[in-house]
Each structure stands twice: as C-alpha cells, then as structure tokens.
C-alpha cells in the first residue's frame, strides 16, 4: 500500500524511547497528536528538541507538497513551544522567528494563519526585545565597552531580528508593527 505524502515516515533519532517509541516510523499525523497526549507534559527537553529537529527538516523538504510542509512547520512551532519551559522567552522567540520567517518566505504571509502572520511575528519580536528601540540604538553605539550582560542582551536582540531580514521587502507602510521592525532592522548592523 502506497503512503500519502502526509504520512511521510520519520526515522528514529537517538535511541531514547517514550511510551514504546519516540519518533520511530511515526507519520506526520501521529506526530501531530503527540503534543496533545496526556504524557506530553512529561516530555523531556530532548524529546521536544528531537521533534523540533525532525519537523524543521521536513518543513524545508522541497520534495513534499507545500500544504504538508506547512503542517510540519506548524508542528515545529508546537515543539518549540514545548521546549519553552527549558529556555528563556527570548530563546523561544529566536527559535520561533526562524521557523515563522521561513514559512512566510516559502509560503507567503497570511493574516489568517498565525504561523505566517507577518505583523504578529514583527510584534512578537519587538515586544521580546526587553528594551526600547531608542535604548538599543544608544547601547549599540558603544557596545564594545559595555558590560558583558549588555552585549549579550544586544546579541539576543540581533538573533531575534536576523530571521526577519529576508522579509524586509514585505514590511508594509500601513502596518505599525512592520514599520517598527524596519527601524529595528536598520540598527541590526550596529549590534554585536
């Protein structure tokens, strides 16, 4: 029996098992159910990381149809959210921004698809910066002599903004979040 592209089987990734299996031969449909199972709250960081790695790889596979790749991308975002309890909110935004920006680049922006909503992505990134654009601009002027914590904070901001660079041409004038993001992207070269 021939499998559909959506039942693309996933190889075993590291020998760790969960409930008799962990990703071994799992289809997209099976993996889409995993985060909602009662045991999902007990998944280790390693489980979420494996799921993220597999789903990001499938999302980028051009041998699969776009609608299947988008499902893999949405599942990657769920896995990133699952990892969230083991990392800082900014690390989660960085990871999420990469996936969301890729999906927008590949499949287009969509106001109705949370994963591909450009305005929401821009808003999430700017709100997660932890400081105003003006403060970051001022700190960026002399980051080399700033305390380590300051340049690390600036580096995290740069890591959140970098995935948005390829989307610059999509940032429209009529959207406040997109306009603000353009201003953030202008200071990107000044950040460590």
C-alpha atoms as a PDB file:
ATOM      1  CA  UNK A   1       0.000   0.000   0.000  1.00  0.00           C
ATOM      2  CA  UNK A   2       1.420   3.354  -1.017  1.00  0.00           C
ATOM      3  CA  UNK A   3       1.685   6.026   1.686  1.00  0.00           C
ATOM      4  CA  UNK A   4       0.422   9.533   1.143  1.00  0.00           C
ATOM      5  CA  UNK A   5       2.948  12.393   1.311  1.00  0.00           C
ATOM      6  CA  UNK A   6       1.398  13.418   4.618  1.00  0.00           C
ATOM      7  CA  UNK A   7       2.276  10.073   6.138  1.00  0.00           C
ATOM      8  CA  UNK A   8       5.945  10.685   5.444  1.00  0.00           C
ATOM      9  CA  UNK A   9       7.640   8.365   7.940  1.00  0.00           C
ATOM     10  CA  UNK A  10      10.107   9.809  10.410  1.00  0.00           C
ATOM     11  CA  UNK A  11      13.289   7.923  11.259  1.00  0.00           C
ATOM     12  CA  UNK A  12      14.342   7.104  14.802  1.00  0.00           C
ATOM     13  CA  UNK A  13      16.676   9.839  16.012  1.00  0.00           C
ATOM     14  CA  UNK A  14      18.635   8.787  19.083  1.00  0.00           C
ATOM     15  CA  UNK A  15      17.606   5.583  20.800  1.00  0.00           C
ATOM     16  CA  UNK A  16      15.530   7.226  23.522  1.00  0.00           C
ATOM     17  CA  UNK A  17      12.020   5.870  23.727  1.00  0.00           C
ATOM     18  CA  UNK A  18       8.760   7.214  25.068  1.00  0.00           C
ATOM     19  CA  UNK A  19       5.739   5.008  25.561  1.00  0.00           C
ATOM     20  CA  UNK A  20       7.320   2.269  23.411  1.00  0.00           C
ATOM     21  CA  UNK A  21       8.542   4.631  20.706  1.00  0.00           C
ATOM     22  CA  UNK A  22       9.758   8.115  20.127  1.00  0.00           C
ATOM     23  CA  UNK A  23       9.565   9.265  16.546  1.00  0.00           C
ATOM     24  CA  UNK A  24      10.430   5.793  15.216  1.00  0.00           C
ATOM     25  CA  UNK A  25       8.492   5.384  11.995  1.00  0.00           C
ATOM     26  CA  UNK A  26       5.919   7.960  13.074  1.00  0.00           C
ATOM     27  CA  UNK A  27       3.810   9.654  10.440  1.00  0.00           C
ATOM     28  CA  UNK A  28       3.021  13.348  10.396  1.00  0.00           C
ATOM     29  CA  UNK A  29      -0.478  12.559  11.653  1.00  0.00           C
ATOM     30  CA  UNK A  30       0.915  10.580  14.590  1.00  0.00           C
ATOM     31  CA  UNK A  31       3.407  13.278  15.467  1.00  0.00           C
ATOM     32  CA  UNK A  32       0.716  15.963  15.271  1.00  0.00           C
ATOM     33  CA  UNK A  33      -1.127  14.103  18.055  1.00  0.00           C
ATOM     34  CA  UNK A  34       1.909  13.730  20.358  1.00  0.00           C
ATOM     35  CA  UNK A  35       1.865  17.226  21.908  1.00  0.00           C
ATOM     36  CA  UNK A  36      -1.773  16.766  22.957  1.00  0.00           C
ATOM     37  CA  UNK A  37      -1.338  13.376  24.624  1.00  0.00           C
ATOM     38  CA  UNK A  38      -1.662  13.241  28.436  1.00  0.00           C
ATOM     39  CA  UNK A  39       2.042  12.332  28.748  1.00  0.00           C
ATOM     40  CA  UNK A  40       3.174  15.394  26.770  1.00  0.00           C
ATOM     41  CA  UNK A  41       3.693  17.363  29.983  1.00  0.00           C
ATOM     42  CA  UNK A  42       6.340  14.785  30.956  1.00  0.00           C
ATOM     43  CA  UNK A  43       8.358  15.057  27.734  1.00  0.00           C
ATOM     44  CA  UNK A  44      11.973  15.979  28.338  1.00  0.00           C
ATOM     45  CA  UNK A  45      13.750  18.838  26.634  1.00  0.00           C
ATOM     46  CA  UNK A  46      15.431  16.174  24.489  1.00  0.00           C
ATOM     47  CA  UNK A  47      12.035  14.914  23.271  1.00  0.00           C
ATOM     48  CA  UNK A  48      10.926  18.419  22.270  1.00  0.00           C
ATOM     49  CA  UNK A  49      14.307  19.118  20.657  1.00  0.00           C
ATOM     50  CA  UNK A  50      14.117  15.902  18.611  1.00  0.00           C
ATOM     51  CA  UNK A  51      10.609  16.767  17.485  1.00  0.00           C
ATOM     52  CA  UNK A  52      11.711  20.288  16.544  1.00  0.00           C
ATOM     53  CA  UNK A  53      14.707  18.988  14.582  1.00  0.00           C
ATOM     54  CA  UNK A  54      12.642  16.469  12.630  1.00  0.00           C
ATOM     55  CA  UNK A  55       9.792  18.871  11.894  1.00  0.00           C
ATOM     56  CA  UNK A  56      12.051  21.727  10.771  1.00  0.00           C
ATOM     57  CA  UNK A  57      13.836  19.334   8.424  1.00  0.00           C
ATOM     58  CA  UNK A  58      10.555  18.121   6.930  1.00  0.00           C
ATOM     59  CA  UNK A  59       9.242  21.677   6.638  1.00  0.00           C
ATOM     60  CA  UNK A  60      12.276  22.502   4.491  1.00  0.00           C
ATOM     61  CA  UNK A  61      11.939  19.400   2.298  1.00  0.00           C
ATOM     62  CA  UNK A  62      11.020  20.609  -1.167  1.00  0.00           C
ATOM     63  CA  UNK A  63      10.097  17.057  -2.173  1.00  0.00           C
ATOM     64  CA  UNK A  64       6.913  17.405  -0.118  1.00  0.00           C
ATOM     65  CA  UNK A  65       3.839  19.401  -1.202  1.00  0.00           C
ATOM     66  CA  UNK A  66       3.568  22.921   0.289  1.00  0.00           C
ATOM     67  CA  UNK A  67       0.489  22.126   2.400  1.00  0.00           C
ATOM     68  CA  UNK A  68       2.338  19.194   4.021  1.00  0.00           C
ATOM     69  CA  UNK A  69       5.435  21.322   4.600  1.00  0.00           C
ATOM     70  CA  UNK A  70       3.264  23.942   6.309  1.00  0.00           C
ATOM     71  CA  UNK A  71       1.861  21.272   8.630  1.00  0.00           C
ATOM     72  CA  UNK A  72       5.420  20.260   9.509  1.00  0.00           C
ATOM     73  CA  UNK A  73       6.213  23.934  10.161  1.00  0.00           C
ATOM     74  CA  UNK A  74       3.227  24.353  12.481  1.00  0.00           C
ATOM     75  CA  UNK A  75       4.273  21.219  14.346  1.00  0.00           C
ATOM     76  CA  UNK A  76       7.793  22.666  14.646  1.00  0.00           C
ATOM     77  CA  UNK A  77       6.262  25.701  16.372  1.00  0.00           C
ATOM     78  CA  UNK A  78       4.425  23.416  18.798  1.00  0.00           C
ATOM     79  CA  UNK A  79       7.712  21.633  19.552  1.00  0.00           C
ATOM     80  CA  UNK A  80       9.444  24.987  20.106  1.00  0.00           C
ATOM     81  CA  UNK A  81       6.680  25.953  22.497  1.00  0.00           C
ATOM     82  CA  UNK A  82       7.181  22.639  24.307  1.00  0.00           C
ATOM     83  CA  UNK A  83      10.867  23.440  24.666  1.00  0.00           C
ATOM     84  CA  UNK A  84       9.908  26.845  26.093  1.00  0.00           C
ATOM     85  CA  UNK A  85       9.869  25.728  29.698  1.00  0.00           C
ATOM     86  CA  UNK A  86      13.564  24.811  29.383  1.00  0.00           C
ATOM     87  CA  UNK A  87      14.801  28.069  27.878  1.00  0.00           C
ATOM     88  CA  UNK A  88      14.368  31.818  28.202  1.00  0.00           C
ATOM     89  CA  UNK A  89      11.420  33.523  26.489  1.00  0.00           C
ATOM     90  CA  UNK A  90      13.877  35.258  24.157  1.00  0.00           C
ATOM     91  CA  UNK A  91      15.413  31.928  23.120  1.00  0.00           C
ATOM     92  CA  UNK A  92      11.925  30.671  22.327  1.00  0.00           C
ATOM     93  CA  UNK A  93      11.212  33.784  20.228  1.00  0.00           C
ATOM     94  CA  UNK A  94      14.521  33.353  18.365  1.00  0.00           C
ATOM     95  CA  UNK A  95      13.718  29.723  17.535  1.00  0.00           C
ATOM     96  CA  UNK A  96      10.123  30.530  16.625  1.00  0.00           C
ATOM     97  CA  UNK A  97      11.084  33.552  14.497  1.00  0.00           C
ATOM     98  CA  UNK A  98      13.339  31.376  12.348  1.00  0.00           C
ATOM     99  CA  UNK A  99      10.536  28.922  11.587  1.00  0.00           C
ATOM    100  CA  UNK A 100       7.862  31.585  11.088  1.00  0.00           C
ATOM    101  CA  UNK A 101      10.085  33.728   8.842  1.00  0.00           C
ATOM    102  CA  UNK A 102      10.956  30.669   6.759  1.00  0.00           C
ATOM    103  CA  UNK A 103       7.267  29.799   6.386  1.00  0.00           C
ATOM    104  CA  UNK A 104       6.444  33.352   5.302  1.00  0.00           C
ATOM    105  CA  UNK A 105       9.302  33.331   2.801  1.00  0.00           C
ATOM    106  CA  UNK A 106       8.347  29.968   1.345  1.00  0.00           C
ATOM    107  CA  UNK A 107       4.549  30.048   1.505  1.00  0.00           C
ATOM    108  CA  UNK A 108       3.677  33.746   1.749  1.00  0.00           C
ATOM    109  CA  UNK A 109       2.346  35.903   4.553  1.00  0.00           C
ATOM    110  CA  UNK A 110      -1.187  35.292   5.798  1.00  0.00           C
ATOM    111  CA  UNK A 111      -3.247  37.364   8.211  1.00  0.00           C
ATOM    112  CA  UNK A 112      -5.369  34.282   8.972  1.00  0.00           C
ATOM    113  CA  UNK A 113      -2.533  31.801   9.617  1.00  0.00           C
ATOM    114  CA  UNK A 114      -0.897  32.516  12.976  1.00  0.00           C
ATOM    115  CA  UNK A 115       2.328  30.846  11.829  1.00  0.00           C
ATOM    116  CA  UNK A 116       2.580  33.103   8.758  1.00  0.00           C
ATOM    117  CA  UNK A 117       1.179  36.333  10.178  1.00  0.00           C
ATOM    118  CA  UNK A 118       3.957  38.840   9.432  1.00  0.00           C
ATOM    119  CA  UNK A 119       2.550  41.626  11.585  1.00  0.00           C
ATOM    120  CA  UNK A 120       2.236  39.288  14.578  1.00  0.00           C
ATOM    121  CA  UNK A 121       5.771  37.986  14.041  1.00  0.00           C
ATOM    122  CA  UNK A 122       7.118  41.543  13.959  1.00  0.00           C
ATOM    123  CA  UNK A 123       5.167  42.437  17.077  1.00  0.00           C
ATOM    124  CA  UNK A 124       6.355  39.329  18.942  1.00  0.00           C
ATOM    125  CA  UNK A 125       9.984  40.076  18.121  1.00  0.00           C
ATOM    126  CA  UNK A 126       9.877  43.756  19.097  1.00  0.00           C
ATOM    127  CA  UNK A 127       7.970  43.021  22.329  1.00  0.00           C
ATOM    128  CA  UNK A 128      10.527  40.366  23.260  1.00  0.00           C
ATOM    129  CA  UNK A 129      13.481  42.699  22.863  1.00  0.00           C
ATOM    130  CA  UNK A 130      13.179  43.673  26.502  1.00  0.00           C
ATOM    131  CA  UNK A 131      14.065  47.305  25.830  1.00  0.00           C
ATOM    132  CA  UNK A 132      13.007  50.093  23.526  1.00  0.00           C
ATOM    133  CA  UNK A 133      14.433  50.711  20.087  1.00  0.00           C
ATOM    134  CA  UNK A 134      15.846  54.012  21.361  1.00  0.00           C
ATOM    135  CA  UNK A 135      17.623  52.290  24.279  1.00  0.00           C
ATOM    136  CA  UNK A 136      19.045  49.607  21.994  1.00  0.00           C
ATOM    137  CA  UNK A 137      20.202  52.239  19.498  1.00  0.00           C
ATOM    138  CA  UNK A 138      22.015  54.124  22.262  1.00  0.00           C
ATOM    139  CA  UNK A 139      23.615  50.947  23.675  1.00  0.00           C
ATOM    140  CA  UNK A 140      24.668  49.820  20.189  1.00  0.00           C
ATOM    141  CA  UNK A 141      26.783  52.951  19.746  1.00  0.00           C
ATOM    142  CA  UNK A 142      29.311  51.764  22.318  1.00  0.00           C
ATOM    143  CA  UNK A 143      28.597  48.087  22.902  1.00  0.00           C
ATOM    144  CA  UNK A 144      32.282  47.097  22.851  1.00  0.00           C
ATOM    145  CA  UNK A 145      32.913  48.881  26.143  1.00  0.00           C
ATOM    146  CA  UNK A 146      29.588  47.827  27.682  1.00  0.00           C
ATOM    147  CA  UNK A 147      29.338  45.154  30.383  1.00  0.00           C
ATOM    148  CA  UNK A 148      29.085  41.563  29.196  1.00  0.00           C
ATOM    149  CA  UNK A 149      25.378  41.345  30.106  1.00  0.00           C
ATOM    150  CA  UNK A 150      24.626  44.339  27.889  1.00  0.00           C
ATOM    151  CA  UNK A 151      26.290  42.984  24.788  1.00  0.00           C
ATOM    152  CA  UNK A 152      24.731  39.554  25.396  1.00  0.00           C
ATOM    153  CA  UNK A 153      21.302  41.233  25.538  1.00  0.00           C
ATOM    154  CA  UNK A 154      22.108  43.065  22.293  1.00  0.00           C
ATOM    155  CA  UNK A 155      23.239  39.788  20.714  1.00  0.00           C
ATOM    156  CA  UNK A 156      19.925  38.114  21.643  1.00  0.00           C
ATOM    157  CA  UNK A 157      18.051  41.007  20.052  1.00  0.00           C
ATOM    158  CA  UNK A 158      20.168  40.620  16.919  1.00  0.00           C
ATOM    159  CA  UNK A 159      19.399  36.880  16.855  1.00  0.00           C
ATOM    160  CA  UNK A 160      15.664  37.638  17.064  1.00  0.00           C
ATOM    161  CA  UNK A 161      15.835  40.209  14.258  1.00  0.00           C
ATOM    162  CA  UNK A 162      18.111  38.368  11.821  1.00  0.00           C
ATOM    163  CA  UNK A 163      15.431  35.910  10.554  1.00  0.00           C
ATOM    164  CA  UNK A 164      13.326  38.934   9.553  1.00  0.00           C
ATOM    165  CA  UNK A 165      15.955  40.341   7.166  1.00  0.00           C
ATOM    166  CA  UNK A 166      14.756  38.313   4.142  1.00  0.00           C
ATOM    167  CA  UNK A 167      11.219  39.609   4.809  1.00  0.00           C
ATOM    168  CA  UNK A 168      12.197  43.285   4.655  1.00  0.00           C
ATOM    169  CA  UNK A 169      10.504  43.860   1.290  1.00  0.00           C
ATOM    170  CA  UNK A 170       7.223  42.551   2.748  1.00  0.00           C
ATOM    171  CA  UNK A 171       7.193  45.072   5.620  1.00  0.00           C
ATOM    172  CA  UNK A 172       4.410  47.434   4.539  1.00  0.00           C
ATOM    173  CA  UNK A 173       3.972  51.087   5.450  1.00  0.00           C
ATOM    174  CA  UNK A 174       0.384  50.618   6.593  1.00  0.00           C
ATOM    175  CA  UNK A 175       1.231  48.262   9.448  1.00  0.00           C
ATOM    176  CA  UNK A 176       2.702  49.784  12.622  1.00  0.00           C
ATOM    177  CA  UNK A 177       4.476  46.566  13.713  1.00  0.00           C
ATOM    178  CA  UNK A 178       6.067  46.196  10.286  1.00  0.00           C
ATOM    179  CA  UNK A 179       7.186  49.845  10.259  1.00  0.00           C
ATOM    180  CA  UNK A 180       8.747  49.441  13.691  1.00  0.00           C
ATOM    181  CA  UNK A 181      10.514  46.282  12.526  1.00  0.00           C
ATOM    182  CA  UNK A 182      12.048  48.172   9.608  1.00  0.00           C
ATOM    183  CA  UNK A 183      13.531  50.596  12.137  1.00  0.00           C
ATOM    184  CA  UNK A 184      14.830  47.666  14.215  1.00  0.00           C
ATOM    185  CA  UNK A 185      16.405  46.129  11.100  1.00  0.00           C
ATOM    186  CA  UNK A 186      18.177  49.422  10.374  1.00  0.00           C
ATOM    187  CA  UNK A 187      20.186  49.111  13.595  1.00  0.00           C
ATOM    188  CA  UNK A 188      20.956  45.426  13.064  1.00  0.00           C
ATOM    189  CA  UNK A 189      24.441  46.055  11.543  1.00  0.00           C
ATOM    190  CA  UNK A 190      25.403  48.039  14.669  1.00  0.00           C
ATOM    191  CA  UNK A 191      24.634  45.170  17.042  1.00  0.00           C
ATOM    192  CA  UNK A 192      27.308  42.723  18.238  1.00  0.00           C
END
